[in-house]
Amino acid sequence: MELIHKELVDILKVKETEITIKNNESFKEDIQTHLLKSRQHIILDLENVKYLNSTSLGVIADAAMKAKKEGKELVISGVKPPLDEIFTIVRFHTFMGLYKTIEEAENYFQTLI
């Protein structure tokens, strides 16, 4: 995972194509570490991800809740079919923003200023 600092947002770019039991713990550690270093507006970019297991969904939900407790906001970008259906089924849209592109997520944060 790479942390990219931009003017208004920090982007957590996931480089792995699959988040499975083999790399879920490192995924969790990376998100937790980067959340501490991030500013108020954070985008988790899943553009490269083709598969997420259920545990990784829990990691993302937990990260969104931790961010909120710290006065930050975490949103997701780059989710493509069929992953977008999974995020809809588990109702992630009810507690965090889901955007097709990084640009859409950045535009959302721009409206908050």
PDB file of N, CA and C in Angstrom:
ATOM      1  N   MET A   1       0.851  -1.174   0.000  1.00  0.00           N
ATOM      2  CA  MET A   1       0.000   0.000   0.000  1.00  0.00           C
ATOM      3  C   MET A   1       0.893   1.232   0.000  1.00  0.00           C
ATOM      4  N   GLU A   2       0.456   2.213  -0.738  1.00  0.00           N
ATOM      5  CA  GLU A   2       1.221   3.454  -0.855  1.00  0.00           C
ATOM      6  C   GLU A   2       0.370   4.614  -0.339  1.00  0.00           C
ATOM      7  N   LEU A   3       0.982   5.491   0.453  1.00  0.00           N
ATOM      8  CA  LEU A   3       0.309   6.699   0.933  1.00  0.00           C
ATOM      9  C   LEU A   3       0.746   7.867   0.057  1.00  0.00           C
ATOM     10  N   ILE A   4      -0.228   8.504  -0.575  1.00  0.00           N
ATOM     11  CA  ILE A   4       0.038   9.636  -1.468  1.00  0.00           C
ATOM     12  C   ILE A   4      -0.603  10.872  -0.848  1.00  0.00           C
ATOM     13  N   HIS A   5       0.222  11.874  -0.547  1.00  0.00           N
ATOM     14  CA  HIS A   5      -0.288  13.134  -0.006  1.00  0.00           C
ATOM     15  C   HIS A   5      -0.578  14.078  -1.164  1.00  0.00           C
ATOM     16  N   LYS A   6      -1.827  14.514  -1.269  1.00  0.00           N
ATOM     17  CA  LYS A   6      -2.193  15.534  -2.253  1.00  0.00           C
ATOM     18  C   LYS A   6      -2.600  16.785  -1.480  1.00  0.00           C
ATOM     19  N   GLU A   7      -2.962  17.830  -2.198  1.00  0.00           N
ATOM     20  CA  GLU A   7      -3.263  19.110  -1.550  1.00  0.00           C
ATOM     21  C   GLU A   7      -4.366  18.992  -0.500  1.00  0.00           C
ATOM     22  N   LEU A   8      -5.488  18.377  -0.854  1.00  0.00           N
ATOM     23  CA  LEU A   8      -6.636  18.324   0.055  1.00  0.00           C
ATOM     24  C   LEU A   8      -6.871  16.962   0.689  1.00  0.00           C
ATOM     25  N   VAL A   9      -6.307  15.921   0.091  1.00  0.00           N
ATOM     26  CA  VAL A   9      -6.597  14.561   0.547  1.00  0.00           C
ATOM     27  C   VAL A   9      -5.321  13.731   0.636  1.00  0.00           C
ATOM     28  N   ASP A  10      -5.447  12.635   1.375  1.00  0.00           N
ATOM     29  CA  ASP A  10      -4.426  11.599   1.362  1.00  0.00           C
ATOM     30  C   ASP A  10      -5.049  10.376   0.706  1.00  0.00           C
ATOM     31  N   ILE A  11      -4.290   9.726  -0.169  1.00  0.00           N
ATOM     32  CA  ILE A  11      -4.785   8.557  -0.881  1.00  0.00           C
ATOM     33  C   ILE A  11      -3.996   7.339  -0.418  1.00  0.00           C
ATOM     34  N   LEU A  12      -4.731   6.328   0.025  1.00  0.00           N
ATOM     35  CA  LEU A  12      -4.130   5.037   0.355  1.00  0.00           C
ATOM     36  C   LEU A  12      -4.354   4.144  -0.857  1.00  0.00           C
ATOM     37  N   LYS A  13      -3.317   3.960  -1.653  1.00  0.00           N
ATOM     38  CA  LYS A  13      -3.433   3.186  -2.892  1.00  0.00           C
ATOM     39  C   LYS A  13      -3.046   1.739  -2.629  1.00  0.00           C
ATOM     40  N   VAL A  14      -4.022   0.860  -2.764  1.00  0.00           N
ATOM     41  CA  VAL A  14      -3.785  -0.572  -2.573  1.00  0.00           C
ATOM     42  C   VAL A  14      -3.191  -1.122  -3.863  1.00  0.00           C
ATOM     43  N   LYS A  15      -2.012  -1.730  -3.748  1.00  0.00           N
ATOM     44  CA  LYS A  15      -1.329  -2.252  -4.933  1.00  0.00           C
ATOM     45  C   LYS A  15      -1.675  -3.709  -5.219  1.00  0.00           C
ATOM     46  N   GLU A  16      -2.105  -4.448  -4.198  1.00  0.00           N
ATOM     47  CA  GLU A  16      -2.436  -5.851  -4.377  1.00  0.00           C
ATOM     48  C   GLU A  16      -3.696  -5.996  -5.223  1.00  0.00           C
ATOM     49  N   THR A  17      -3.774  -7.092  -5.972  1.00  0.00           N
ATOM     50  CA  THR A  17      -4.981  -7.355  -6.749  1.00  0.00           C
ATOM     51  C   THR A  17      -5.971  -8.208  -5.975  1.00  0.00           C
ATOM     52  N   GLU A  18      -5.492  -8.902  -4.942  1.00  0.00           N
ATOM     53  CA  GLU A  18      -6.366  -9.727  -4.108  1.00  0.00           C
ATOM     54  C   GLU A  18      -6.016  -9.520  -2.645  1.00  0.00           C
ATOM     55  N   ILE A  19      -7.046  -9.394  -1.819  1.00  0.00           N
ATOM     56  CA  ILE A  19      -6.863  -9.346  -0.368  1.00  0.00           C
ATOM     57  C   ILE A  19      -7.482 -10.643   0.154  1.00  0.00           C
ATOM     58  N   THR A  20      -6.634 -11.552   0.595  1.00  0.00           N
ATOM     59  CA  THR A  20      -7.066 -12.881   1.033  1.00  0.00           C
ATOM     60  C   THR A  20      -6.501 -13.160   2.419  1.00  0.00           C
ATOM     61  N   ILE A  21      -6.721 -14.349   2.882  1.00  0.00           N
ATOM     62  CA  ILE A  21      -6.200 -14.736   4.183  1.00  0.00           C
ATOM     63  C   ILE A  21      -4.665 -14.641   4.216  1.00  0.00           C
ATOM     64  N   LYS A  22      -4.029 -14.778   3.068  1.00  0.00           N
ATOM     65  CA  LYS A  22      -2.567 -14.730   2.985  1.00  0.00           C
ATOM     66  C   LYS A  22      -2.004 -13.340   3.267  1.00  0.00           C
ATOM     67  N   ASN A  23      -2.717 -12.300   2.896  1.00  0.00           N
ATOM     68  CA  ASN A  23      -2.182 -10.941   3.067  1.00  0.00           C
ATOM     69  C   ASN A  23      -3.114 -10.018   3.857  1.00  0.00           C
ATOM     70  N   ASN A  24      -4.158 -10.574   4.446  1.00  0.00           N
ATOM     71  CA  ASN A  24      -5.124  -9.746   5.158  1.00  0.00           C
ATOM     72  C   ASN A  24      -4.506  -9.034   6.364  1.00  0.00           C
ATOM     73  N   GLU A  25      -3.630  -9.711   7.086  1.00  0.00           N
ATOM     74  CA  GLU A  25      -3.016  -9.097   8.265  1.00  0.00           C
ATOM     75  C   GLU A  25      -2.140  -7.911   7.871  1.00  0.00           C
ATOM     76  N   SER A  26      -1.372  -8.041   6.800  1.00  0.00           N
ATOM     77  CA  SER A  26      -0.543  -6.912   6.357  1.00  0.00           C
ATOM     78  C   SER A  26      -1.414  -5.777   5.823  1.00  0.00           C
ATOM     79  N   PHE A  27      -2.539  -6.117   5.179  1.00  0.00           N
ATOM     80  CA  PHE A  27      -3.498  -5.111   4.716  1.00  0.00           C
ATOM     81  C   PHE A  27      -4.019  -4.315   5.909  1.00  0.00           C
ATOM     82  N   LYS A  28      -4.395  -5.012   6.960  1.00  0.00           N
ATOM     83  CA  LYS A  28      -4.898  -4.370   8.180  1.00  0.00           C
ATOM     84  C   LYS A  28      -3.833  -3.471   8.807  1.00  0.00           C
ATOM     85  N   GLU A  29      -2.619  -3.971   8.931  1.00  0.00           N
ATOM     86  CA  GLU A  29      -1.528  -3.187   9.517  1.00  0.00           C
ATOM     87  C   GLU A  29      -1.228  -1.945   8.687  1.00  0.00           C
ATOM     88  N   ASP A  30      -1.221  -2.108   7.364  1.00  0.00           N
ATOM     89  CA  ASP A  30      -0.960  -0.961   6.479  1.00  0.00           C
ATOM     90  C   ASP A  30      -2.025   0.117   6.649  1.00  0.00           C
ATOM     91  N   ILE A  31      -3.286  -0.281   6.664  1.00  0.00           N
ATOM     92  CA  ILE A  31      -4.358   0.707   6.819  1.00  0.00           C
ATOM     93  C   ILE A  31      -4.238   1.417   8.161  1.00  0.00           C
ATOM     94  N   GLN A  32      -4.020   0.669   9.227  1.00  0.00           N
ATOM     95  CA  GLN A  32      -3.913   1.276  10.560  1.00  0.00           C
ATOM     96  C   GLN A  32      -2.737   2.244  10.626  1.00  0.00           C
ATOM     97  N   THR A  33      -1.602   1.856  10.080  1.00  0.00           N
ATOM     98  CA  THR A  33      -0.420   2.721  10.081  1.00  0.00           C
ATOM     99  C   THR A  33      -0.671   3.995   9.290  1.00  0.00           C
ATOM    100  N   HIS A  34      -1.246   3.846   8.104  1.00  0.00           N
ATOM    101  CA  HIS A  34      -1.480   5.012   7.244  1.00  0.00           C
ATOM    102  C   HIS A  34      -2.574   5.923   7.790  1.00  0.00           C
ATOM    103  N   LEU A  35      -3.559   5.357   8.475  1.00  0.00           N
ATOM    104  CA  LEU A  35      -4.598   6.204   9.089  1.00  0.00           C
ATOM    105  C   LEU A  35      -3.984   7.158  10.105  1.00  0.00           C
ATOM    106  N   LEU A  36      -3.018   6.676  10.857  1.00  0.00           N
ATOM    107  CA  LEU A  36      -2.355   7.524  11.852  1.00  0.00           C
ATOM    108  C   LEU A  36      -1.604   8.676  11.192  1.00  0.00           C
ATOM    109  N   LYS A  37      -1.028   8.420  10.010  1.00  0.00           N
ATOM    110  CA  LYS A  37      -0.225   9.420   9.303  1.00  0.00           C
ATOM    111  C   LYS A  37      -1.070  10.357   8.446  1.00  0.00           C
ATOM    112  N   SER A  38      -2.308   9.973   8.201  1.00  0.00           N
ATOM    113  CA  SER A  38      -3.147  10.718   7.263  1.00  0.00           C
ATOM    114  C   SER A  38      -3.783  11.938   7.898  1.00  0.00           C
ATOM    115  N   ARG A  39      -4.113  12.861   7.005  1.00  0.00           N
ATOM    116  CA  ARG A  39      -4.841  14.054   7.424  1.00  0.00           C
ATOM    117  C   ARG A  39      -6.333  13.747   7.482  1.00  0.00           C
ATOM    118  N   GLN A  40      -7.147  14.774   7.455  1.00  0.00           N
ATOM    119  CA  GLN A  40      -8.583  14.642   7.698  1.00  0.00           C
ATOM    120  C   GLN A  40      -9.332  13.877   6.605  1.00  0.00           C
ATOM    121  N   HIS A  41      -8.984  14.087   5.348  1.00  0.00           N
ATOM    122  CA  HIS A  41      -9.712  13.482   4.228  1.00  0.00           C
ATOM    123  C   HIS A  41      -8.871  12.384   3.595  1.00  0.00           C
ATOM    124  N   ILE A  42      -9.422  11.154   3.592  1.00  0.00           N
ATOM    125  CA  ILE A  42      -8.664   9.991   3.158  1.00  0.00           C
ATOM    126  C   ILE A  42      -9.459   9.200   2.121  1.00  0.00           C
ATOM    127  N   ILE A  43      -8.778   8.821   1.049  1.00  0.00           N
ATOM    128  CA  ILE A  43      -9.377   7.993   0.006  1.00  0.00           C
ATOM    129  C   ILE A  43      -8.652   6.648  -0.005  1.00  0.00           C
ATOM    130  N   LEU A  44      -9.399   5.560   0.152  1.00  0.00           N
ATOM    131  CA  LEU A  44      -8.844   4.220   0.001  1.00  0.00           C
ATOM    132  C   LEU A  44      -9.092   3.809  -1.445  1.00  0.00           C
ATOM    133  N   ASP A  45      -8.032   3.769  -2.239  1.00  0.00           N
ATOM    134  CA  ASP A  45      -8.152   3.479  -3.666  1.00  0.00           C
ATOM    135  C   ASP A  45      -8.013   1.974  -3.906  1.00  0.00           C
ATOM    136  N   LEU A  46      -9.105   1.365  -4.330  1.00  0.00           N
ATOM    137  CA  LEU A  46      -9.143  -0.076  -4.588  1.00  0.00           C
ATOM    138  C   LEU A  46      -9.151  -0.397  -6.079  1.00  0.00           C
ATOM    139  N   GLU A  47      -8.675   0.517  -6.885  1.00  0.00           N
ATOM    140  CA  GLU A  47      -8.720   0.339  -8.335  1.00  0.00           C
ATOM    141  C   GLU A  47      -8.054  -0.960  -8.798  1.00  0.00           C
ATOM    142  N   ASN A  48      -6.968  -1.355  -8.164  1.00  0.00           N
ATOM    143  CA  ASN A  48      -6.241  -2.559  -8.578  1.00  0.00           C
ATOM    144  C   ASN A  48      -6.833  -3.847  -8.012  1.00  0.00           C
ATOM    145  N   VAL A  49      -7.737  -3.736  -7.055  1.00  0.00           N
ATOM    146  CA  VAL A  49      -8.243  -4.907  -6.337  1.00  0.00           C
ATOM    147  C   VAL A  49      -9.356  -5.602  -7.123  1.00  0.00           C
ATOM    148  N   LYS A  50      -9.163  -6.902  -7.335  1.00  0.00           N
ATOM    149  CA  LYS A  50     -10.155  -7.714  -8.046  1.00  0.00           C
ATOM    150  C   LYS A  50     -10.919  -8.636  -7.098  1.00  0.00           C
ATOM    151  N   TYR A  51     -10.329  -8.904  -5.901  1.00  0.00           N
ATOM    152  CA  TYR A  51     -10.957  -9.811  -4.950  1.00  0.00           C
ATOM    153  C   TYR A  51     -10.690  -9.347  -3.522  1.00  0.00           C
ATOM    154  N   LEU A  52     -11.742  -9.353  -2.700  1.00  0.00           N
ATOM    155  CA  LEU A  52     -11.641  -9.071  -1.265  1.00  0.00           C
ATOM    156  C   LEU A  52     -12.351 -10.193  -0.519  1.00  0.00           C
ATOM    157  N   ASN A  53     -11.726 -10.710   0.542  1.00  0.00           N
ATOM    158  CA  ASN A  53     -12.462 -11.677   1.356  1.00  0.00           C
ATOM    159  C   ASN A  53     -13.274 -10.928   2.406  1.00  0.00           C
ATOM    160  N   SER A  54     -14.111 -11.654   3.140  1.00  0.00           N
ATOM    161  CA  SER A  54     -14.996 -11.008   4.105  1.00  0.00           C
ATOM    162  C   SER A  54     -14.219 -10.335   5.235  1.00  0.00           C
ATOM    163  N   THR A  55     -13.085 -10.902   5.613  1.00  0.00           N
ATOM    164  CA  THR A  55     -12.277 -10.294   6.667  1.00  0.00           C
ATOM    165  C   THR A  55     -11.760  -8.931   6.240  1.00  0.00           C
ATOM    166  N   SER A  56     -11.371  -8.798   4.992  1.00  0.00           N
ATOM    167  CA  SER A  56     -10.880  -7.499   4.519  1.00  0.00           C
ATOM    168  C   SER A  56     -11.987  -6.455   4.490  1.00  0.00           C
ATOM    169  N   LEU A  57     -13.229  -6.880   4.246  1.00  0.00           N
ATOM    170  CA  LEU A  57     -14.350  -5.943   4.338  1.00  0.00           C
ATOM    171  C   LEU A  57     -14.476  -5.425   5.764  1.00  0.00           C
ATOM    172  N   GLY A  58     -14.289  -6.315   6.729  1.00  0.00           N
ATOM    173  CA  GLY A  58     -14.315  -5.908   8.133  1.00  0.00           C
ATOM    174  C   GLY A  58     -13.198  -4.939   8.470  1.00  0.00           C
ATOM    175  N   VAL A  59     -12.030  -5.153   7.899  1.00  0.00           N
ATOM    176  CA  VAL A  59     -10.892  -4.253   8.111  1.00  0.00           C
ATOM    177  C   VAL A  59     -11.235  -2.861   7.593  1.00  0.00           C
ATOM    178  N   ILE A  60     -11.835  -2.789   6.411  1.00  0.00           N
ATOM    179  CA  ILE A  60     -12.193  -1.490   5.821  1.00  0.00           C
ATOM    180  C   ILE A  60     -13.263  -0.797   6.670  1.00  0.00           C
ATOM    181  N   ALA A  61     -14.280  -1.549   7.082  1.00  0.00           N
ATOM    182  CA  ALA A  61     -15.337  -0.962   7.920  1.00  0.00           C
ATOM    183  C   ALA A  61     -14.759  -0.446   9.234  1.00  0.00           C
ATOM    184  N   ASP A  62     -13.889  -1.229   9.845  1.00  0.00           N
ATOM    185  CA  ASP A  62     -13.256  -0.826  11.095  1.00  0.00           C
ATOM    186  C   ASP A  62     -12.418   0.439  10.894  1.00  0.00           C
ATOM    187  N   ALA A  63     -11.700   0.517   9.786  1.00  0.00           N
ATOM    188  CA  ALA A  63     -10.877   1.696   9.497  1.00  0.00           C
ATOM    189  C   ALA A  63     -11.749   2.940   9.339  1.00  0.00           C
ATOM    190  N   ALA A  64     -12.897   2.785   8.685  1.00  0.00           N
ATOM    191  CA  ALA A  64     -13.816   3.923   8.513  1.00  0.00           C
ATOM    192  C   ALA A  64     -14.322   4.417   9.858  1.00  0.00           C
ATOM    193  N   MET A  65     -14.641   3.490  10.745  1.00  0.00           N
ATOM    194  CA  MET A  65     -15.131   3.869  12.082  1.00  0.00           C
ATOM    195  C   MET A  65     -14.024   4.515  12.915  1.00  0.00           C
ATOM    196  N   LYS A  66     -12.824   3.982  12.843  1.00  0.00           N
ATOM    197  CA  LYS A  66     -11.688   4.572  13.581  1.00  0.00           C
ATOM    198  C   LYS A  66     -11.389   5.972  13.058  1.00  0.00           C
ATOM    199  N   ALA A  67     -11.435   6.136  11.743  1.00  0.00           N
ATOM    200  CA  ALA A  67     -11.190   7.449  11.158  1.00  0.00           C
ATOM    201  C   ALA A  67     -12.212   8.452  11.686  1.00  0.00           C
ATOM    202  N   LYS A  68     -13.468   8.037  11.707  1.00  0.00           N
ATOM    203  CA  LYS A  68     -14.543   8.920  12.176  1.00  0.00           C
ATOM    204  C   LYS A  68     -14.310   9.338  13.629  1.00  0.00           C
ATOM    205  N   LYS A  69     -13.888   8.398  14.466  1.00  0.00           N
ATOM    206  CA  LYS A  69     -13.614   8.700  15.872  1.00  0.00           C
ATOM    207  C   LYS A  69     -12.482   9.717  16.025  1.00  0.00           C
ATOM    208  N   GLU A  70     -11.572   9.734  15.057  1.00  0.00           N
ATOM    209  CA  GLU A  70     -10.440  10.664  15.090  1.00  0.00           C
ATOM    210  C   GLU A  70     -10.734  11.965  14.357  1.00  0.00           C
ATOM    211  N   GLY A  71     -11.994  12.160  13.945  1.00  0.00           N
ATOM    212  CA  GLY A  71     -12.367  13.381  13.240  1.00  0.00           C
ATOM    213  C   GLY A  71     -11.941  13.390  11.788  1.00  0.00           C
ATOM    214  N   LYS A  72     -11.711  12.204  11.233  1.00  0.00           N
ATOM    215  CA  LYS A  72     -11.308  12.072   9.836  1.00  0.00           C
ATOM    216  C   LYS A  72     -12.431  11.394   9.068  1.00  0.00           C
ATOM    217  N   GLU A  73     -12.320  11.408   7.749  1.00  0.00           N
ATOM    218  CA  GLU A  73     -13.304  10.695   6.933  1.00  0.00           C
ATOM    219  C   GLU A  73     -12.575   9.854   5.902  1.00  0.00           C
ATOM    220  N   LEU A  74     -12.928   8.584   5.854  1.00  0.00           N
ATOM    221  CA  LEU A  74     -12.368   7.638   4.896  1.00  0.00           C
ATOM    222  C   LEU A  74     -13.454   7.277   3.885  1.00  0.00           C
ATOM    223  N   VAL A  75     -13.132   7.426   2.605  1.00  0.00           N
ATOM    224  CA  VAL A  75     -14.036   7.003   1.536  1.00  0.00           C
ATOM    225  C   VAL A  75     -13.287   6.020   0.645  1.00  0.00           C
ATOM    226  N   ILE A  76     -14.032   5.325  -0.201  1.00  0.00           N
ATOM    227  CA  ILE A  76     -13.449   4.326  -1.100  1.00  0.00           C
ATOM    228  C   ILE A  76     -13.606   4.795  -2.541  1.00  0.00           C
ATOM    229  N   SER A  77     -12.559   4.554  -3.341  1.00  0.00           N
ATOM    230  CA  SER A  77     -12.659   4.821  -4.777  1.00  0.00           C
ATOM    231  C   SER A  77     -12.156   3.609  -5.557  1.00  0.00           C
ATOM    232  N   GLY A  78     -12.535   3.563  -6.822  1.00  0.00           N
ATOM    233  CA  GLY A  78     -11.999   2.569  -7.742  1.00  0.00           C
ATOM    234  C   GLY A  78     -12.610   1.186  -7.663  1.00  0.00           C
ATOM    235  N   VAL A  79     -13.766   1.060  -7.034  1.00  0.00           N
ATOM    236  CA  VAL A  79     -14.393  -0.264  -6.930  1.00  0.00           C
ATOM    237  C   VAL A  79     -15.129  -0.562  -8.229  1.00  0.00           C
ATOM    238  N   LYS A  80     -14.784  -1.706  -8.823  1.00  0.00           N
ATOM    239  CA  LYS A  80     -15.380  -2.102 -10.094  1.00  0.00           C
ATOM    240  C   LYS A  80     -16.171  -3.398  -9.910  1.00  0.00           C
ATOM    241  N   PRO A  81     -17.066  -3.682 -10.871  1.00  0.00           N
ATOM    242  CA  PRO A  81     -17.792  -4.962 -10.809  1.00  0.00           C
ATOM    243  C   PRO A  81     -16.793  -6.133 -10.811  1.00  0.00           C
ATOM    244  N   PRO A  82     -17.098  -7.179 -10.106  1.00  0.00           N
ATOM    245  CA  PRO A  82     -18.277  -7.426  -9.288  1.00  0.00           C
ATOM    246  C   PRO A  82     -18.134  -6.931  -7.845  1.00  0.00           C
ATOM    247  N   LEU A  83     -16.986  -6.346  -7.490  1.00  0.00           N
ATOM    248  CA  LEU A  83     -16.797  -5.890  -6.101  1.00  0.00           C
ATOM    249  C   LEU A  83     -17.809  -4.831  -5.693  1.00  0.00           C
ATOM    250  N   ASP A  84     -18.219  -3.984  -6.616  1.00  0.00           N
ATOM    251  CA  ASP A  84     -19.182  -2.940  -6.264  1.00  0.00           C
ATOM    252  C   ASP A  84     -20.487  -3.539  -5.737  1.00  0.00           C
ATOM    253  N   GLU A  85     -20.871  -4.703  -6.277  1.00  0.00           N
ATOM    254  CA  GLU A  85     -22.082  -5.366  -5.798  1.00  0.00           C
ATOM    255  C   GLU A  85     -21.930  -5.809  -4.342  1.00  0.00           C
ATOM    256  N   ILE A  86     -20.757  -6.293  -3.998  1.00  0.00           N
ATOM    257  CA  ILE A  86     -20.505  -6.734  -2.625  1.00  0.00           C
ATOM    258  C   ILE A  86     -20.626  -5.552  -1.663  1.00  0.00           C
ATOM    259  N   PHE A  87     -20.030  -4.422  -2.022  1.00  0.00           N
ATOM    260  CA  PHE A  87     -20.115  -3.241  -1.160  1.00  0.00           C
ATOM    261  C   PHE A  87     -21.564  -2.766  -1.011  1.00  0.00           C
ATOM    262  N   THR A  88     -22.362  -2.930  -2.055  1.00  0.00           N
ATOM    263  CA  THR A  88     -23.783  -2.570  -1.978  1.00  0.00           C
ATOM    264  C   THR A  88     -24.545  -3.545  -1.085  1.00  0.00           C
ATOM    265  N   ILE A  89     -24.298  -4.829  -1.259  1.00  0.00           N
ATOM    266  CA  ILE A  89     -24.997  -5.846  -0.463  1.00  0.00           C
ATOM    267  C   ILE A  89     -24.719  -5.670   1.024  1.00  0.00           C
ATOM    268  N   VAL A  90     -23.475  -5.373   1.380  1.00  0.00           N
ATOM    269  CA  VAL A  90     -23.145  -5.215   2.800  1.00  0.00           C
ATOM    270  C   VAL A  90     -23.378  -3.781   3.280  1.00  0.00           C
ATOM    271  N   ARG A  91     -23.958  -2.961   2.412  1.00  0.00           N
ATOM    272  CA  ARG A  91     -24.451  -1.622   2.751  1.00  0.00           C
ATOM    273  C   ARG A  91     -23.368  -0.652   3.232  1.00  0.00           C
ATOM    274  N   PHE A  92     -22.187  -0.741   2.634  1.00  0.00           N
ATOM    275  CA  PHE A  92     -21.120   0.192   2.992  1.00  0.00           C
ATOM    276  C   PHE A  92     -21.523   1.637   2.715  1.00  0.00           C
ATOM    277  N   HIS A  93     -22.367   1.853   1.711  1.00  0.00           N
ATOM    278  CA  HIS A  93     -22.790   3.205   1.353  1.00  0.00           C
ATOM    279  C   HIS A  93     -23.552   3.899   2.484  1.00  0.00           C
ATOM    280  N   THR A  94     -23.996   3.147   3.492  1.00  0.00           N
ATOM    281  CA  THR A  94     -24.738   3.755   4.590  1.00  0.00           C
ATOM    282  C   THR A  94     -23.831   4.423   5.617  1.00  0.00           C
ATOM    283  N   PHE A  95     -22.535   4.111   5.586  1.00  0.00           N
ATOM    284  CA  PHE A  95     -21.634   4.729   6.568  1.00  0.00           C
ATOM    285  C   PHE A  95     -20.346   5.282   5.970  1.00  0.00           C
ATOM    286  N   MET A  96     -20.155   5.142   4.658  1.00  0.00           N
ATOM    287  CA  MET A  96     -18.987   5.748   4.024  1.00  0.00           C
ATOM    288  C   MET A  96     -19.246   5.966   2.537  1.00  0.00           C
ATOM    289  N   GLY A  97     -18.523   6.923   1.965  1.00  0.00           N
ATOM    290  CA  GLY A  97     -18.693   7.221   0.554  1.00  0.00           C
ATOM    291  C   GLY A  97     -18.016   6.199  -0.335  1.00  0.00           C
ATOM    292  N   LEU A  98     -18.683   5.849  -1.423  1.00  0.00           N
ATOM    293  CA  LEU A  98     -18.146   4.932  -2.433  1.00  0.00           C
ATOM    294  C   LEU A  98     -18.133   5.668  -3.766  1.00  0.00           C
ATOM    295  N   TYR A  99     -16.959   5.783  -4.374  1.00  0.00           N
ATOM    296  CA  TYR A  99     -16.817   6.539  -5.619  1.00  0.00           C
ATOM    297  C   TYR A  99     -16.130   5.689  -6.675  1.00  0.00           C
ATOM    298  N   LYS A 100     -16.523   5.892  -7.920  1.00  0.00           N
ATOM    299  CA  LYS A 100     -15.954   5.106  -9.017  1.00  0.00           C
ATOM    300  C   LYS A 100     -14.498   5.468  -9.282  1.00  0.00           C
ATOM    301  N   THR A 101     -14.155   6.744  -9.088  1.00  0.00           N
ATOM    302  CA  THR A 101     -12.791   7.192  -9.383  1.00  0.00           C
ATOM    303  C   THR A 101     -12.234   8.042  -8.238  1.00  0.00           C
ATOM    304  N   ILE A 102     -10.939   8.180  -8.236  1.00  0.00           N
ATOM    305  CA  ILE A 102     -10.284   9.065  -7.269  1.00  0.00           C
ATOM    306  C   ILE A 102     -10.779  10.495  -7.471  1.00  0.00           C
ATOM    307  N   GLU A 103     -10.947  10.889  -8.724  1.00  0.00           N
ATOM    308  CA  GLU A 103     -11.397  12.246  -9.026  1.00  0.00           C
ATOM    309  C   GLU A 103     -12.762  12.535  -8.414  1.00  0.00           C
ATOM    310  N   GLU A 104     -13.671  11.580  -8.495  1.00  0.00           N
ATOM    311  CA  GLU A 104     -14.998  11.767  -7.893  1.00  0.00           C
ATOM    312  C   GLU A 104     -14.882  11.913  -6.374  1.00  0.00           C
ATOM    313  N   ALA A 105     -14.025  11.117  -5.766  1.00  0.00           N
ATOM    314  CA  ALA A 105     -13.827  11.208  -4.317  1.00  0.00           C
ATOM    315  C   ALA A 105     -13.197  12.550  -3.948  1.00  0.00           C
ATOM    316  N   GLU A 106     -12.229  12.989  -4.723  1.00  0.00           N
ATOM    317  CA  GLU A 106     -11.609  14.300  -4.471  1.00  0.00           C
ATOM    318  C   GLU A 106     -12.638  15.419  -4.612  1.00  0.00           C
ATOM    319  N   ASN A 107     -13.496  15.320  -5.623  1.00  0.00           N
ATOM    320  CA  ASN A 107     -14.544  16.330  -5.809  1.00  0.00           C
ATOM    321  C   ASN A 107     -15.488  16.365  -4.615  1.00  0.00           C
ATOM    322  N   TYR A 108     -15.805  15.200  -4.053  1.00  0.00           N
ATOM    323  CA  TYR A 108     -16.641  15.153  -2.857  1.00  0.00           C
ATOM    324  C   TYR A 108     -15.985  15.946  -1.727  1.00  0.00           C
ATOM    325  N   PHE A 109     -14.715  15.697  -1.468  1.00  0.00           N
ATOM    326  CA  PHE A 109     -14.029  16.401  -0.393  1.00  0.00           C
ATOM    327  C   PHE A 109     -13.910  17.895  -0.690  1.00  0.00           C
ATOM    328  N   GLN A 110     -13.795  18.237  -1.970  1.00  0.00           N
ATOM    329  CA  GLN A 110     -13.721  19.646  -2.375  1.00  0.00           C
ATOM    330  C   GLN A 110     -15.004  20.376  -1.972  1.00  0.00           C
ATOM    331  N   THR A 111     -16.147  19.694  -2.038  1.00  0.00           N
ATOM    332  CA  THR A 111     -17.422  20.342  -1.691  1.00  0.00           C
ATOM    333  C   THR A 111     -17.531  20.617  -0.190  1.00  0.00           C
ATOM    334  N   LEU A 112     -16.698  19.986   0.618  1.00  0.00           N
ATOM    335  CA  LEU A 112     -16.746  20.183   2.071  1.00  0.00           C
ATOM    336  C   LEU A 112     -15.995  21.430   2.527  1.00  0.00           C
ATOM    337  N   ILE A 113     -15.232  21.997   1.629  1.00  0.00           N
ATOM    338  CA  ILE A 113     -14.412  23.165   1.994  1.00  0.00           C
ATOM    339  C   ILE A 113     -15.220  24.443   1.918  1.00  0.00           C
TER     340      ILE A 113
END
